[in-house]
């Protein structure tokens, strides 16, 4: 169901390579920082 919704919205699921936990680390770090700034800014 999730993949079908992504296809309808013309979005692509982000997946890292098998066994490589560092693939998405820059993106995860960005959203962690953004979340931290938003929570501490209010």
Foldseek 3Di string as FASTA:
>chain_A
DVVVVCVVVVHDDDDDDPPDPCPCVVVVVVVVVVVVCVVVVD
